[in-house]
Amino acid sequence: MAQLTSPVLQALGRFNDRHPWSHNDAYSGWIVHQARRVHNRGGSRALDVGCGTGHLVGRLSRELSDVRGIEPDPASVEAARYNTRELRNVVISRSTWAEVRDTPYDLITFVAVLHHLPLQETLRRASLLVAPGGRLVIVGVARETARDIPLSLISTLLNPLVGLALHPRPAVRLPAHMRSPIQPPTETYAEVKAVARRVLPGITLRRSLFWRYTAVWTAPPSSSQVRRPAFRSRLRRATG
């Protein structure tokens, strides 16, 4: 079986190299949807941790009025600043997650970044930086286990089809946004889920296609946000 499958996988690998695409891009629309929900609740400030070359930051800037991207890799920072140079509501900083000031954000995103950081410590700090009623949105990468095989097989089959559809002409080299430094994940999805549920009660996690998982956590509302609907209800009853 290995002799039969290995050449097939090698051929798929060569095809994927000629028609590359970022698996993170498959989730950009979903993240933008989360940003719109934040905006609809009155949110305006977003932080994209590990923003790479700024693709997601650019899309978030259409939904929220104050968007910041942080990235430690100097080449990626330079590209991100160039790509967002005409967006006045975007700031790109060469900095790390540890250097982020304790300023609340209505939306914090981690896209294929969380496995580069200490899991529990990062989630705990993120929970403190998300403003009341705001959202923490994660597209993560986990170490594969037997339970991931079905989605992995589907992703393996879909990957070249998506690559061909997005980039029908063979590429000479990887796009700039796919050349950032990477490292393999060490935690499994089950391990990430256990820690996340302990640190962030109410978080929603799902295994997803293209070797990713998604997670959303909404910060508890402030006392004023809780009281406001009750006040409106009393007002309607009084004037009804």
Protein backbone atom coordinates (compact mmCIF):
# COMPACT_ATOMS: atom_id res chain seq x y z
CA MET A 1 0.00 0.00 0.00
CA ALA A 2 2.82 2.41 0.90
CA GLN A 3 4.46 1.78 -2.49
CA LEU A 4 1.19 2.62 -4.20
CA THR A 5 0.29 5.68 -2.17
CA SER A 6 3.74 7.27 -1.89
CA PRO A 7 4.08 8.13 -5.63
CA VAL A 8 0.53 9.52 -5.58
CA LEU A 9 1.29 11.74 -2.60
CA GLN A 10 4.54 12.86 -4.20
CA ALA A 11 2.70 13.76 -7.40
CA LEU A 12 0.09 15.67 -5.40
CA GLY A 13 2.88 17.50 -3.61
CA ARG A 14 4.48 18.56 -6.89
CA PHE A 15 1.10 19.70 -8.23
CA ASN A 16 0.38 21.69 -5.07
CA ASP A 17 3.79 23.37 -5.34
CA ARG A 18 2.88 24.55 -8.84
CA HIS A 19 -0.54 25.83 -7.74
CA PRO A 20 0.04 27.06 -4.17
CA TRP A 21 -2.55 28.73 -2.00
CA SER A 22 -2.71 29.60 1.68
CA HIS A 23 -5.04 27.39 3.68
CA ASN A 24 -5.56 30.33 6.02
CA ASP A 25 -7.27 32.20 3.18
CA ALA A 26 -10.06 29.62 3.26
CA TYR A 27 -11.15 31.15 6.57
CA SER A 28 -10.81 34.86 5.76
CA GLY A 29 -14.49 35.22 4.94
CA TRP A 30 -15.48 33.54 8.19
CA ILE A 31 -13.22 35.89 10.16
CA VAL A 32 -14.65 38.91 8.36
CA HIS A 33 -18.13 37.69 9.34
CA GLN A 34 -17.00 37.67 12.97
CA ALA A 35 -15.68 41.22 12.53
CA ARG A 36 -19.05 42.35 11.20
CA ARG A 37 -20.78 40.91 14.23
CA VAL A 38 -18.33 42.83 16.42
CA HIS A 39 -19.04 46.01 14.44
CA ASN A 40 -22.79 45.50 14.79
CA ARG A 41 -22.34 45.48 18.56
CA GLY A 42 -20.52 48.80 18.42
CA GLY A 43 -16.95 47.49 18.31
CA SER A 44 -14.24 49.33 16.40
CA ARG A 45 -10.77 48.09 17.42
CA ALA A 46 -9.09 44.94 16.10
CA LEU A 47 -5.72 43.28 16.65
CA ASP A 48 -4.38 40.63 14.27
CA VAL A 49 -1.59 38.73 16.01
CA GLY A 50 1.06 37.49 13.59
CA CYS A 51 -0.41 39.44 10.68
CA GLY A 52 2.10 38.18 8.10
CA THR A 53 1.96 40.27 4.93
CA GLY A 54 -1.27 42.01 5.97
CA HIS A 55 -3.91 40.23 3.88
CA LEU A 56 -6.37 39.77 6.76
CA VAL A 57 -5.62 43.20 8.22
CA GLY A 58 -6.66 44.74 4.92
CA ARG A 59 -9.98 42.92 4.95
CA LEU A 60 -10.65 43.76 8.60
CA SER A 61 -10.05 47.44 7.85
CA ARG A 62 -13.24 47.47 5.75
CA GLU A 63 -15.29 46.39 8.76
CA LEU A 64 -13.66 48.14 11.74
CA SER A 65 -12.29 51.65 12.06
CA ASP A 66 -9.09 50.92 14.01
CA VAL A 67 -7.06 47.87 12.97
CA ARG A 68 -3.59 46.91 14.17
CA GLY A 69 -1.39 44.08 12.96
CA ILE A 70 1.67 42.84 14.80
CA GLU A 71 4.35 40.64 13.27
CA PRO A 72 7.90 39.77 14.44
CA ASP A 73 9.32 38.83 11.03
CA PRO A 74 10.93 41.94 9.45
CA ALA A 75 10.36 40.89 5.83
CA SER A 76 6.68 40.21 6.51
CA VAL A 77 6.31 43.55 8.31
CA GLU A 78 7.78 45.38 5.33
CA ALA A 79 5.38 43.59 2.97
CA ALA A 80 2.40 44.22 5.25
CA ARG A 81 3.16 47.93 5.48
CA TYR A 82 3.45 48.14 1.71
CA ASN A 83 0.23 46.20 1.14
CA THR A 84 -1.72 48.42 3.56
CA ARG A 85 -0.01 51.72 2.74
CA GLU A 86 -3.23 53.37 1.54
CA LEU A 87 -5.33 52.28 4.52
CA ARG A 88 -5.40 55.10 7.05
CA ASN A 89 -7.10 53.02 9.73
CA VAL A 90 -4.35 50.35 9.76
CA VAL A 91 -1.14 50.26 11.79
CA ILE A 92 1.46 47.52 11.30
CA SER A 93 4.02 47.06 14.09
CA ARG A 94 7.10 44.90 14.22
CA SER A 95 6.46 43.41 17.63
CA THR A 96 5.56 40.22 19.42
CA TRP A 97 2.51 39.13 21.36
CA ALA A 98 4.45 39.59 24.59
CA GLU A 99 4.97 43.27 23.72
CA VAL A 100 1.28 44.07 23.22
CA ARG A 101 0.14 46.68 25.69
CA ASP A 102 -2.75 45.98 28.02
CA THR A 103 -5.24 47.87 25.86
CA PRO A 104 -8.66 46.34 25.18
CA TYR A 105 -9.63 45.28 21.67
CA ASP A 106 -13.09 44.45 20.39
CA LEU A 107 -11.64 41.73 18.16
CA ILE A 108 -8.41 39.75 18.50
CA THR A 109 -7.46 37.24 15.82
CA PHE A 110 -4.86 34.47 15.81
CA VAL A 111 -4.51 32.81 12.40
CA ALA A 112 -2.07 29.87 12.32
CA VAL A 113 -0.18 31.61 15.12
CA LEU A 114 -1.32 30.12 18.41
CA HIS A 115 0.89 27.02 18.08
CA HIS A 116 3.93 29.33 18.05
CA LEU A 117 3.03 30.60 21.53
CA PRO A 118 2.52 29.13 25.03
CA LEU A 119 -1.08 27.94 24.75
CA GLN A 120 -2.54 28.46 28.22
CA GLU A 121 -0.68 31.68 28.97
CA THR A 122 -1.61 33.17 25.59
CA LEU A 123 -5.30 32.34 25.91
CA ARG A 124 -5.43 33.69 29.45
CA ARG A 125 -3.83 36.99 28.43
CA ALA A 126 -6.02 37.25 25.34
CA SER A 127 -9.10 36.90 27.53
CA LEU A 128 -7.95 39.94 29.49
CA LEU A 129 -7.35 42.02 26.35
CA VAL A 130 -10.71 41.34 24.69
CA ALA A 131 -13.10 44.16 25.56
CA PRO A 132 -16.42 43.26 27.23
CA GLY A 133 -18.69 41.77 24.58
CA GLY A 134 -15.77 41.50 22.15
CA ARG A 135 -14.50 38.39 20.39
CA LEU A 136 -11.40 36.24 20.29
CA VAL A 137 -11.24 34.44 16.93
CA ILE A 138 -8.76 31.65 16.25
CA VAL A 139 -7.85 29.67 13.16
CA GLY A 140 -5.41 27.15 14.56
CA VAL A 141 -3.12 24.31 13.56
CA ALA A 142 -2.88 21.16 15.68
CA ARG A 143 -0.76 18.03 15.63
CA GLU A 144 -2.62 15.38 13.66
CA THR A 145 -4.01 12.26 15.32
CA ALA A 146 -6.11 9.34 14.10
CA ARG A 147 -9.31 11.32 14.68
CA ASP A 148 -8.13 13.94 12.20
CA ILE A 149 -7.58 11.47 9.34
CA PRO A 150 -11.06 11.74 7.71
CA LEU A 151 -10.86 15.53 7.37
CA SER A 152 -7.21 15.25 6.38
CA LEU A 153 -8.06 12.89 3.51
CA ILE A 154 -10.83 15.17 2.28
CA SER A 155 -8.47 18.14 2.48
CA THR A 156 -5.78 16.25 0.57
CA LEU A 157 -8.23 15.64 -2.28
CA LEU A 158 -9.66 19.17 -2.29
CA ASN A 159 -6.34 20.98 -1.96
CA PRO A 160 -5.15 20.63 -5.59
CA LEU A 161 -8.61 21.49 -6.92
CA VAL A 162 -8.72 24.73 -4.94
CA GLY A 163 -5.14 25.52 -5.91
CA LEU A 164 -5.89 25.03 -9.60
CA ALA A 165 -9.06 27.13 -9.38
CA LEU A 166 -7.30 30.00 -7.60
CA HIS A 167 -4.01 29.84 -9.51
CA PRO A 168 -4.47 28.10 -12.87
CA ARG A 169 -1.05 29.24 -14.08
CA PRO A 170 1.85 27.31 -12.51
CA ALA A 171 3.81 29.34 -9.97
CA VAL A 172 7.57 29.80 -10.18
CA ARG A 173 7.87 30.28 -6.43
CA LEU A 174 5.66 30.51 -3.36
CA PRO A 175 3.72 33.78 -2.95
CA ALA A 176 5.22 36.23 -0.45
CA HIS A 177 2.46 35.65 2.11
CA MET A 178 3.34 31.94 2.19
CA ARG A 179 7.04 32.41 2.89
CA SER A 180 6.79 33.46 6.55
CA PRO A 181 8.67 31.35 9.13
CA ILE A 182 6.64 28.37 10.36
CA GLN A 183 6.98 25.61 12.91
CA PRO A 184 5.01 22.37 13.35
CA PRO A 185 2.36 22.25 16.09
CA THR A 186 3.01 20.21 19.22
CA GLU A 187 -0.47 20.11 20.79
CA THR A 188 -3.27 17.94 19.41
CA TYR A 189 -6.74 19.32 18.83
CA ALA A 190 -7.98 17.50 21.93
CA GLU A 191 -5.23 19.10 24.03
CA VAL A 192 -5.99 22.56 22.66
CA LYS A 193 -9.70 22.05 23.29
CA ALA A 194 -9.16 20.97 26.90
CA VAL A 195 -6.99 23.98 27.72
CA ALA A 196 -9.22 26.44 25.86
CA ARG A 197 -12.38 25.27 27.61
CA ARG A 198 -10.69 25.55 30.97
CA VAL A 199 -9.33 29.05 30.36
CA LEU A 200 -12.20 30.41 28.26
CA PRO A 201 -15.57 29.07 29.45
CA GLY A 202 -18.11 29.11 26.65
CA ILE A 203 -15.57 28.94 23.81
CA THR A 204 -16.71 27.15 20.65
CA LEU A 205 -14.14 24.97 18.84
CA ARG A 206 -14.48 22.89 15.68
CA ARG A 207 -12.21 20.70 13.59
CA SER A 208 -12.12 22.11 10.07
CA LEU A 209 -10.82 21.43 6.59
CA PHE A 210 -7.30 22.10 5.33
CA TRP A 211 -5.60 21.06 8.55
CA ARG A 212 -7.14 23.81 10.64
CA TYR A 213 -9.49 24.20 13.57
CA THR A 214 -11.60 27.22 14.39
CA ALA A 215 -12.50 28.75 17.72
CA VAL A 216 -14.58 31.72 18.87
CA TRP A 217 -14.91 33.14 22.36
CA THR A 218 -17.09 36.08 23.32
CA ALA A 219 -16.02 38.06 26.37
CA PRO A 220 -18.68 38.53 29.05
CA PRO A 221 -20.49 41.86 28.72
CA SER A 222 -19.84 44.65 31.17
CA SER A 223 -22.38 45.45 33.86
CA SER A 224 -23.58 48.47 31.87
CA GLN A 225 -24.10 46.30 28.77
CA VAL A 226 -26.14 43.87 30.84
CA ARG A 227 -28.28 46.60 32.37
CA ARG A 228 -28.96 48.41 29.10
CA PRO A 229 -31.36 45.84 27.56
CA ALA A 230 -33.23 45.59 30.85
CA PHE A 231 -33.62 49.38 30.91
CA ARG A 232 -34.98 49.38 27.34
CA SER A 233 -37.44 46.65 28.28
CA ARG A 234 -38.70 48.65 31.27
CA LEU A 235 -38.95 51.75 29.09
CA ARG A 236 -41.04 49.92 26.48
CA ARG A 237 -43.39 48.63 29.18
CA ALA A 238 -43.73 52.10 30.67
CA THR A 239 -44.52 53.73 27.32
CA GLY A 240 -46.50 50.83 25.84
